[in-house]
C-alpha cells in the first residue's frame, strides 16, 4: 500500500524546482523524459535473456571497443526519449561518433546532456548489475543548435548528474547540487520512489575496488597503496576487502553506501587513463562530492579538468574522503 505523502521522483524534481523562483520547468521536463527512458531500459535489461539483445553486433564504437546489442538499444532509447521535447540543444554519448544534434524538425532548448547509455555492458551476458550515467549542463552558446563548446565544459559547471542502476532493483540516483538522492523503481505502480534521501558516503572503507590483474602495470605509488590496504591493522580498519565488479556504476554505488574507494589509475597501457571524463568521471565526481567524498585523477580534482575532446580519458580515484586523500599521499610520494 502506498503511504500518504510518499515521494516519487517526479514530485521530488518539482519540489526542487520550486526552490528556484525563475525556473521555467524545462529542467523538470528533461528529467521526466530521462526517467521514462530509464523505465524502458529497465524493462529491456530485465528481459535481456528473452529478447534478442544479448551478444555483440559485430561493430566497434568510436573507442575501438566491441559493441553489444543492448548498448545500441540503450543509446537509441535515450536519444529518442530526449531529442524531441525542446529541452536540449545537443547531446553526446559514449556510443556515438561526434555530437548528437537535435533534428531540424524539433525545437532546441538550453540544456546539454552527456551520457554513457550502458556502463558495464561487458557484464550484460552474465546477468551482473549495469547502469546508465548522465551529466547535464547549461549551454554556453546563445542560441541555435548546440556546438562542441557547449559539450566541452568543466565538470564544475554541471547543473545535474546521476545514474540509473539496473540490478536486483532499478535505482535512479541524482543530484542538482542540493544533496544526493536515490529512488527505487516500483514496477507495480510504474514509479521511482524515494528510498535513499540525502545520501552520504562514510569517510573511509571498508572496501577497495580495482582490477588487480593490472598490478604490475601500475606506478610504484599505486602498488604500495594497494599493498597498504591489504595489511592487517585493526586500528585503521585494515585489511580492506577487495570488491571489484567491473561495472563502474555498481562499484561506485556499493562504495557510496558502505564506504570505500574505486581506483582506475594510469598504467603502462593507459598512460593517460582509461575512463572517459565526459561520460563517466565528471558525473560520478559531481555525485560523490555531494555525498561528502572526493574524486581526483591523482593530482587534480576531476571537476576542474578542462576536457580536450569528446574522448578525453582520465585516471579516476573516487570514493570516501579519507581513503582518496591517503591514496593521493601515496601517489605524491612515488
Protein backbone atom coordinates (compact mmCIF):
# COMPACT_ATOMS: atom_id res chain seq x y z
CA UNK A 1 0.00 0.00 0.00
CA UNK A 2 1.25 3.50 -0.85
CA UNK A 3 1.56 5.70 2.21
CA UNK A 4 0.16 9.23 2.25
CA UNK A 5 2.79 11.74 1.19
CA UNK A 6 5.11 9.23 -0.47
CA UNK A 7 7.80 10.93 -2.56
CA UNK A 8 8.02 10.00 -6.22
CA UNK A 9 10.88 11.07 -8.44
CA UNK A 10 8.56 13.37 -10.38
CA UNK A 11 7.33 15.06 -7.21
CA UNK A 12 10.87 15.42 -5.89
CA UNK A 13 12.02 17.10 -9.11
CA UNK A 14 9.09 19.51 -8.97
CA UNK A 15 9.75 20.37 -5.33
CA UNK A 16 13.40 21.03 -6.13
CA UNK A 17 12.27 23.32 -8.95
CA UNK A 18 10.16 25.42 -6.55
CA UNK A 19 13.35 26.44 -4.75
CA UNK A 20 14.23 28.49 -7.84
CA UNK A 21 11.56 31.17 -8.50
CA UNK A 22 12.88 31.86 -12.01
CA UNK A 23 12.64 28.21 -13.09
CA UNK A 24 10.71 27.66 -16.32
CA UNK A 25 10.02 23.94 -15.96
CA UNK A 26 12.39 22.95 -18.78
CA UNK A 27 14.74 21.10 -16.46
CA UNK A 28 11.87 19.24 -14.78
CA UNK A 29 10.62 18.19 -18.20
CA UNK A 30 14.07 16.96 -19.17
CA UNK A 31 14.38 14.87 -16.01
CA UNK A 32 10.91 13.42 -16.54
CA UNK A 33 11.88 12.33 -20.05
CA UNK A 34 15.04 10.76 -18.68
CA UNK A 35 13.04 8.83 -16.08
CA UNK A 36 10.84 7.43 -18.84
CA UNK A 37 13.93 6.29 -20.74
CA UNK A 38 15.20 4.61 -17.55
CA UNK A 39 11.95 2.67 -17.18
CA UNK A 40 12.12 1.48 -20.78
CA UNK A 41 15.73 0.39 -20.34
CA UNK A 42 14.96 -1.37 -17.06
CA UNK A 43 12.33 -3.42 -18.88
CA UNK A 44 14.76 -4.29 -21.68
CA UNK A 45 17.56 -5.23 -19.28
CA UNK A 46 15.23 -7.43 -17.23
CA UNK A 47 14.15 -9.27 -20.39
CA UNK A 48 17.64 -9.48 -21.91
CA UNK A 49 17.66 -13.27 -21.89
CA UNK A 50 14.23 -13.47 -23.50
CA UNK A 51 14.59 -10.97 -26.33
CA UNK A 52 17.35 -10.71 -28.92
CA UNK A 53 19.54 -8.11 -27.19
CA UNK A 54 22.39 -10.28 -25.90
CA UNK A 55 25.73 -10.64 -27.64
CA UNK A 56 27.73 -8.40 -29.94
CA UNK A 57 26.65 -6.52 -33.05
CA UNK A 58 29.95 -7.17 -34.83
CA UNK A 59 30.79 -3.45 -34.83
CA UNK A 60 33.15 -1.31 -32.78
CA UNK A 61 32.39 2.01 -31.10
CA UNK A 62 34.48 5.18 -31.55
CA UNK A 63 36.93 3.93 -28.92
CA UNK A 64 37.63 0.66 -30.72
CA UNK A 65 35.56 -1.46 -28.33
CA UNK A 66 33.17 -4.20 -29.42
CA UNK A 67 29.56 -3.05 -29.29
CA UNK A 68 26.88 -5.16 -27.67
CA UNK A 69 23.31 -5.15 -28.95
CA UNK A 70 21.96 -3.76 -25.68
CA UNK A 71 24.45 -0.86 -25.91
CA UNK A 72 22.83 0.22 -29.16
CA UNK A 73 19.32 -0.27 -27.83
CA UNK A 74 20.13 1.83 -24.75
CA UNK A 75 21.75 4.56 -26.81
CA UNK A 76 18.83 4.84 -29.21
CA UNK A 77 16.27 4.70 -26.40
CA UNK A 78 17.82 7.66 -24.59
CA UNK A 79 18.27 9.71 -27.76
CA UNK A 80 14.69 9.21 -28.93
CA UNK A 81 13.30 9.89 -25.45
CA UNK A 82 15.07 13.25 -25.24
CA UNK A 83 15.57 14.70 -28.73
CA UNK A 84 12.04 15.98 -29.36
CA UNK A 85 10.94 17.81 -26.23
CA UNK A 86 12.75 21.12 -26.82
CA UNK A 87 14.79 20.95 -23.60
CA UNK A 88 18.16 20.07 -25.17
CA UNK A 89 20.33 21.80 -27.76
CA UNK A 90 22.77 18.91 -28.22
CA UNK A 91 23.78 15.53 -26.79
CA UNK A 92 26.89 13.38 -26.76
CA UNK A 93 27.19 9.69 -25.97
CA UNK A 94 29.97 7.21 -25.44
CA UNK A 95 28.36 5.07 -28.14
CA UNK A 96 28.02 7.80 -30.78
CA UNK A 97 30.59 9.28 -33.13
CA UNK A 98 30.61 13.04 -32.69
CA UNK A 99 27.84 15.29 -31.42
CA UNK A 100 24.23 14.12 -31.43
CA UNK A 101 22.36 17.03 -32.95
CA UNK A 102 18.70 17.77 -32.33
CA UNK A 103 16.79 17.12 -35.60
CA UNK A 104 15.74 20.20 -37.54
CA UNK A 105 12.05 19.38 -37.10
CA UNK A 106 12.34 19.54 -33.26
CA UNK A 107 12.84 22.68 -31.13
CA UNK A 108 16.10 23.22 -29.21
CA UNK A 109 16.49 24.23 -25.61
CA UNK A 110 19.10 25.49 -23.15
CA UNK A 111 20.48 22.23 -21.79
CA UNK A 112 23.21 19.81 -22.87
CA UNK A 113 23.27 16.14 -21.93
CA UNK A 114 26.22 13.73 -21.99
CA UNK A 115 25.74 10.06 -21.19
CA UNK A 116 27.08 6.56 -21.11
CA UNK A 117 23.97 4.62 -22.13
CA UNK A 118 25.05 1.30 -20.63
CA UNK A 119 28.08 1.30 -18.35
CA UNK A 120 29.45 -2.16 -17.58
CA UNK A 121 28.00 -3.67 -20.73
CA UNK A 122 30.67 -6.39 -20.74
CA UNK A 123 28.65 -7.87 -17.86
CA UNK A 124 25.33 -7.98 -19.70
CA UNK A 125 25.52 -11.59 -20.79
CA UNK A 126 26.33 -12.85 -17.28
CA UNK A 127 23.49 -11.01 -15.50
CA UNK A 128 25.62 -8.63 -13.40
CA UNK A 129 24.47 -5.12 -12.46
CA UNK A 130 24.98 -2.45 -15.12
CA UNK A 131 23.89 1.16 -15.39
CA UNK A 132 23.32 4.42 -17.25
CA UNK A 133 25.37 7.51 -16.34
CA UNK A 134 24.29 11.04 -17.27
CA UNK A 135 25.52 14.60 -16.94
CA UNK A 136 23.59 17.83 -17.65
CA UNK A 137 24.97 21.31 -18.39
CA UNK A 138 23.51 24.64 -19.44
CA UNK A 139 24.58 25.63 -22.92
CA UNK A 140 27.22 28.34 -23.30
CA UNK A 141 26.29 29.37 -26.83
CA UNK A 142 23.41 31.87 -27.07
CA UNK A 143 21.01 30.07 -29.39
CA UNK A 144 20.54 27.62 -32.24
CA UNK A 145 21.92 24.10 -32.34
CA UNK A 146 24.45 23.15 -29.71
CA UNK A 147 28.15 23.05 -30.54
CA UNK A 148 31.30 21.39 -29.29
CA UNK A 149 31.83 24.38 -26.97
CA UNK A 150 28.57 23.52 -25.21
CA UNK A 151 29.77 19.97 -24.61
CA UNK A 152 33.41 20.57 -23.63
CA UNK A 153 32.73 22.20 -20.26
CA UNK A 154 34.46 21.52 -16.96
CA UNK A 155 32.55 19.23 -14.65
CA UNK A 156 32.17 22.00 -12.08
CA UNK A 157 29.64 23.58 -14.47
CA UNK A 158 27.21 20.65 -14.26
CA UNK A 159 23.70 21.56 -13.21
CA UNK A 160 22.79 17.93 -12.56
CA UNK A 161 24.20 14.44 -12.80
CA UNK A 162 23.15 10.95 -11.93
CA UNK A 163 22.99 7.29 -12.79
CA UNK A 164 20.47 4.51 -13.13
CA UNK A 165 21.49 1.16 -11.66
CA UNK A 166 19.90 -1.96 -13.14
CA UNK A 167 20.39 -4.65 -10.53
CA UNK A 168 18.22 -6.65 -8.12
CA UNK A 169 16.11 -3.50 -8.26
CA UNK A 170 16.37 -0.45 -10.50
CA UNK A 171 17.59 2.73 -8.81
CA UNK A 172 17.66 6.30 -10.11
CA UNK A 173 20.26 8.37 -8.20
CA UNK A 174 20.67 12.06 -8.98
CA UNK A 175 21.73 15.47 -7.71
CA UNK A 176 21.13 19.05 -8.77
CA UNK A 177 23.73 20.32 -6.32
CA UNK A 178 21.22 20.18 -3.45
CA UNK A 179 22.28 16.84 -1.99
CA UNK A 180 22.22 13.34 -3.40
CA UNK A 181 19.02 11.32 -3.52
CA UNK A 182 18.15 7.77 -4.59
CA UNK A 183 14.85 6.41 -5.89
CA UNK A 184 13.91 2.75 -6.29
CA UNK A 185 11.61 1.67 -9.10
CA UNK A 186 8.34 0.00 -8.11
CA UNK A 187 7.16 -1.79 -11.27
CA UNK A 188 3.74 -2.47 -9.75
CA UNK A 189 2.87 1.24 -9.96
CA UNK A 190 5.43 2.32 -12.57
CA UNK A 191 7.10 4.92 -10.36
CA UNK A 192 10.51 5.67 -8.89
CA UNK A 193 10.01 6.14 -5.11
CA UNK A 194 12.38 7.92 -2.74
CA UNK A 195 14.36 5.26 -0.87
CA UNK A 196 17.68 6.97 -0.04
CA UNK A 197 17.38 10.62 0.97
CA UNK A 198 20.40 12.92 1.27
CA UNK A 199 22.92 10.13 0.76
CA UNK A 200 26.32 10.47 2.46
CA UNK A 201 29.40 8.35 1.88
CA UNK A 202 31.30 7.21 5.01
CA UNK A 203 34.67 8.92 5.50
CA UNK A 204 36.62 5.71 4.94
CA UNK A 205 36.50 1.99 3.99
CA UNK A 206 35.99 -0.91 4.26
CA UNK A 207 36.19 -1.72 0.53
CA UNK A 208 38.56 -1.03 -2.34
CA UNK A 209 37.69 -1.61 -5.98
CA UNK A 210 40.41 -2.04 -8.57
CA UNK A 211 41.40 -4.52 -11.28
CA UNK A 212 44.39 -6.17 -9.62
CA UNK A 213 45.18 -8.01 -12.82
CA UNK A 214 46.97 -4.79 -13.85
CA UNK A 215 49.11 -4.67 -10.67
CA UNK A 216 52.45 -4.91 -12.50
CA UNK A 217 51.44 -2.10 -14.88
CA UNK A 218 50.80 0.45 -12.11
CA UNK A 219 53.12 3.09 -10.71
CA UNK A 220 55.15 2.25 -7.62
CA UNK A 221 52.96 4.54 -5.51
CA UNK A 222 49.76 2.78 -6.57
CA UNK A 223 51.25 -0.64 -5.86
CA UNK A 224 52.33 0.50 -2.40
CA UNK A 225 48.89 1.95 -1.67
CA UNK A 226 47.05 -1.25 -2.59
CA UNK A 227 49.54 -3.32 -0.58
CA UNK A 228 48.91 -0.99 2.37
CA UNK A 229 45.15 -1.59 2.14
CA UNK A 230 45.73 -5.35 2.41
CA UNK A 231 47.90 -5.15 5.53
CA UNK A 232 46.45 -6.23 8.88
CA UNK A 233 45.88 -3.26 11.21
CA UNK A 234 42.55 -3.27 13.09
CA UNK A 235 43.28 0.23 14.46
CA UNK A 236 42.94 1.68 10.95
CA UNK A 237 40.25 -0.73 9.74
CA UNK A 238 42.61 -2.77 7.62
CA UNK A 239 42.71 -5.01 5.77
CA UNK A 240 40.17 -3.59 3.34
CA UNK A 241 38.17 -6.12 1.35
CA UNK A 242 38.57 -6.21 -2.41
CA UNK A 243 35.24 -5.77 -4.19
CA UNK A 244 35.50 -5.32 -7.95
CA UNK A 245 32.50 -5.94 -10.19
CA UNK A 246 33.90 -4.38 -13.35
CA UNK A 247 30.79 -2.23 -13.69
CA UNK A 248 31.69 1.31 -12.62
CA UNK A 249 28.14 2.23 -11.57
CA UNK A 250 27.77 -0.89 -9.43
CA UNK A 251 31.18 -0.50 -7.78
CA UNK A 252 30.53 3.20 -7.15
CA UNK A 253 27.06 2.57 -5.72
CA UNK A 254 28.29 -0.03 -3.22
CA UNK A 255 31.12 2.21 -2.04
CA UNK A 256 28.73 5.16 -1.80
CA UNK A 257 26.54 3.21 0.61
CA UNK A 258 29.20 1.42 2.67
CA UNK A 259 32.36 3.46 2.20
CA UNK A 260 35.48 2.71 0.22
CA UNK A 261 37.45 3.70 -2.82
CA UNK A 262 37.33 2.93 -6.53
CA UNK A 263 40.57 3.20 -8.47
CA UNK A 264 41.26 3.06 -12.19
CA UNK A 265 44.78 4.53 -12.28
CA UNK A 266 47.16 5.13 -15.14
CA UNK A 267 49.18 2.12 -16.20
CA UNK A 268 51.71 1.25 -18.85
CA UNK A 269 48.95 0.54 -21.40
CA UNK A 270 46.86 3.59 -20.47
CA UNK A 271 49.30 6.38 -19.55
CA UNK A 272 46.50 8.97 -19.74
CA UNK A 273 43.89 6.81 -18.01
CA UNK A 274 41.10 4.62 -19.34
CA UNK A 275 37.76 6.11 -18.23
CA UNK A 276 36.05 8.93 -20.11
CA UNK A 277 35.91 12.32 -18.45
CA UNK A 278 32.70 13.45 -20.15
CA UNK A 279 30.62 10.30 -19.91
CA UNK A 280 31.75 8.71 -16.64
CA UNK A 281 34.17 10.60 -14.42
CA UNK A 282 32.54 14.06 -14.34
CA UNK A 283 29.12 12.78 -13.39
CA UNK A 284 30.27 10.47 -10.61
CA UNK A 285 32.69 13.11 -9.30
CA UNK A 286 29.79 15.57 -9.01
CA UNK A 287 27.72 12.98 -7.14
CA UNK A 288 30.42 11.84 -4.75
CA UNK A 289 31.22 15.43 -3.75
CA UNK A 290 27.53 15.98 -3.00
CA UNK A 291 27.78 12.95 -0.70
CA UNK A 292 30.90 14.23 1.08
CA UNK A 293 33.50 12.23 -0.86
CA UNK A 294 36.29 13.12 -3.27
CA UNK A 295 37.25 12.41 -6.88
CA UNK A 296 40.67 13.02 -8.39
CA UNK A 297 42.92 11.90 -11.21
CA UNK A 298 45.67 11.51 -8.63
CA UNK A 299 46.73 15.15 -8.89
CA UNK A 300 43.74 17.30 -9.83
CA UNK A 301 40.11 17.48 -8.77
CA UNK A 302 38.16 15.73 -11.53
CA UNK A 303 35.60 18.53 -11.76
CA UNK A 304 38.32 21.10 -12.54
CA UNK A 305 39.75 19.29 -15.57
CA UNK A 306 39.14 21.01 -18.89
CA UNK A 307 38.09 18.39 -21.46
CA UNK A 308 40.16 18.48 -24.64
CA UNK A 309 37.82 16.47 -26.84
CA UNK A 310 34.84 14.10 -26.68
CA UNK A 311 37.05 11.11 -25.99
CA UNK A 312 39.15 12.70 -23.22
CA UNK A 313 40.32 9.94 -20.87
CA UNK A 314 41.39 10.29 -17.25
CA UNK A 315 42.59 8.12 -14.40
CA UNK A 316 39.95 8.03 -11.66
CA UNK A 317 40.31 7.72 -7.89
CA UNK A 318 36.93 8.23 -6.26
CA UNK A 319 35.18 7.48 -3.01
CA UNK A 320 35.42 8.13 0.70
CA UNK A 321 37.22 11.35 1.59
CA UNK A 322 39.95 9.93 3.84
CA UNK A 323 40.65 7.00 1.53
CA UNK A 324 41.08 9.24 -1.52
CA UNK A 325 43.30 11.65 0.41
CA UNK A 326 45.54 8.79 1.55
CA UNK A 327 45.77 7.38 -1.98
CA UNK A 328 46.92 10.79 -3.20
CA UNK A 329 49.58 10.87 -0.46
CA UNK A 330 50.99 7.56 -1.69
CA UNK A 331 51.00 8.78 -5.30
CA UNK A 332 52.76 12.02 -4.38
CA UNK A 333 55.48 10.07 -2.59
CA UNK A 334 56.19 7.77 -5.55
